Amino acid sequence: MALEGLIILLIVGAIAGWLAGLIVKGVGFGLIGNIVVGIVGAFIGSWLLPRVGLFIGGGIIAAIINATIGAVILLVIIGLVKRA
């Protein structure tokens, strides 16, 4: 992976993690934790959304939306595990 790709991945992950933290209140992990949640959420979103028939499109905005949806799913699961 080139340096530019890594930087874009970190930026998309940070934005997606931040947005997911706003959507799912009470399950925040700070800046580094939100970046990690966003990156993992991007993998979850890119794996799960095509399987349910949801195609967002291409480009940076679509990547952020895709990662945010995956990060929200991840934060909901983490929140459920924490409560149990």
Protein backbone atom coordinates (compact mmCIF):
# COMPACT_ATOMS: atom_id res chain seq x y z
CA MET A 1 0.00 0.00 0.00
CA ALA A 2 1.34 3.38 -0.95
CA LEU A 3 1.70 6.19 1.55
CA GLU A 4 -1.18 8.09 -0.05
CA GLY A 5 -3.48 5.10 0.32
CA LEU A 6 -2.56 4.72 3.97
CA ILE A 7 -3.23 8.40 4.65
CA ILE A 8 -6.60 8.22 2.89
CA LEU A 9 -7.48 5.09 4.88
CA LEU A 10 -6.66 6.87 8.15
CA ILE A 11 -8.64 9.96 7.19
CA VAL A 12 -11.68 7.93 6.09
CA GLY A 13 -11.42 5.84 9.27
CA ALA A 14 -11.16 8.93 11.47
CA ILE A 15 -14.17 10.60 9.85
CA ALA A 16 -16.24 7.41 9.91
CA GLY A 17 -15.33 6.68 13.54
CA TRP A 18 -16.16 10.24 14.56
CA LEU A 19 -19.52 10.13 12.75
CA ALA A 20 -20.34 6.73 14.22
CA GLY A 21 -19.48 8.06 17.69
CA LEU A 22 -21.97 10.88 17.13
CA ILE A 23 -24.67 8.52 15.88
CA VAL A 24 -24.21 5.92 18.63
CA LYS A 25 -23.91 8.01 21.75
CA GLY A 26 -22.20 6.69 24.86
CA VAL A 27 -19.71 4.38 23.13
CA GLY A 28 -16.77 6.67 22.36
CA PHE A 29 -13.14 5.60 22.39
CA GLY A 30 -11.27 8.85 21.81
CA LEU A 31 -9.47 9.85 18.63
CA ILE A 32 -7.27 6.78 18.17
CA GLY A 33 -10.07 4.42 19.16
CA ASN A 34 -12.45 6.14 16.73
CA ILE A 35 -9.91 5.76 13.92
CA VAL A 36 -9.59 2.05 14.68
CA VAL A 37 -13.38 1.66 14.89
CA GLY A 38 -13.73 3.50 11.58
CA ILE A 39 -11.14 1.32 9.83
CA VAL A 40 -12.65 -1.90 11.17
CA GLY A 41 -16.08 -0.50 10.29
CA ALA A 42 -14.90 0.09 6.73
CA PHE A 43 -14.02 -3.59 6.44
CA ILE A 44 -17.35 -4.61 7.98
CA GLY A 45 -19.29 -2.26 5.73
CA SER A 46 -17.49 -3.30 2.56
CA TRP A 47 -18.09 -6.96 3.38
CA LEU A 48 -21.68 -6.74 4.67
CA LEU A 49 -23.39 -4.13 2.51
CA PRO A 50 -22.96 -5.88 -0.87
CA ARG A 51 -24.27 -9.09 0.67
CA VAL A 52 -27.55 -7.41 1.62
CA GLY A 53 -27.83 -5.79 -1.81
CA LEU A 54 -26.83 -2.22 -0.86
CA PHE A 55 -24.35 -0.56 -3.24
CA ILE A 56 -23.40 3.00 -2.35
CA GLY A 57 -21.08 3.78 -5.26
CA GLY A 58 -17.50 4.87 -5.64
CA GLY A 59 -15.44 7.78 -4.44
CA ILE A 60 -14.34 9.17 -1.11
CA ILE A 61 -17.85 10.15 0.06
CA ALA A 62 -19.15 6.65 -0.63
CA ALA A 63 -16.17 5.20 1.25
CA ILE A 64 -16.95 7.41 4.25
CA ILE A 65 -20.63 6.43 4.19
CA ASN A 66 -19.74 2.76 3.83
CA ALA A 67 -17.23 2.93 6.69
CA THR A 68 -19.65 4.88 8.87
CA ILE A 69 -22.38 2.28 8.44
CA GLY A 70 -19.92 -0.47 9.33
CA ALA A 71 -18.59 1.50 12.31
CA VAL A 72 -22.13 2.09 13.61
CA ILE A 73 -22.80 -1.65 13.38
CA LEU A 74 -19.55 -2.32 15.23
CA LEU A 75 -20.33 0.23 17.97
CA VAL A 76 -23.83 -1.21 18.47
CA ILE A 77 -22.32 -4.69 18.88
CA ILE A 78 -19.69 -3.35 21.31
CA GLY A 79 -22.40 -1.56 23.27
CA LEU A 80 -24.45 -4.74 23.53
CA VAL A 81 -21.43 -6.74 24.70
CA LYS A 82 -20.53 -4.12 27.31
CA ARG A 83 -24.04 -4.20 28.77
CA ALA A 84 -24.12 -7.99 29.02
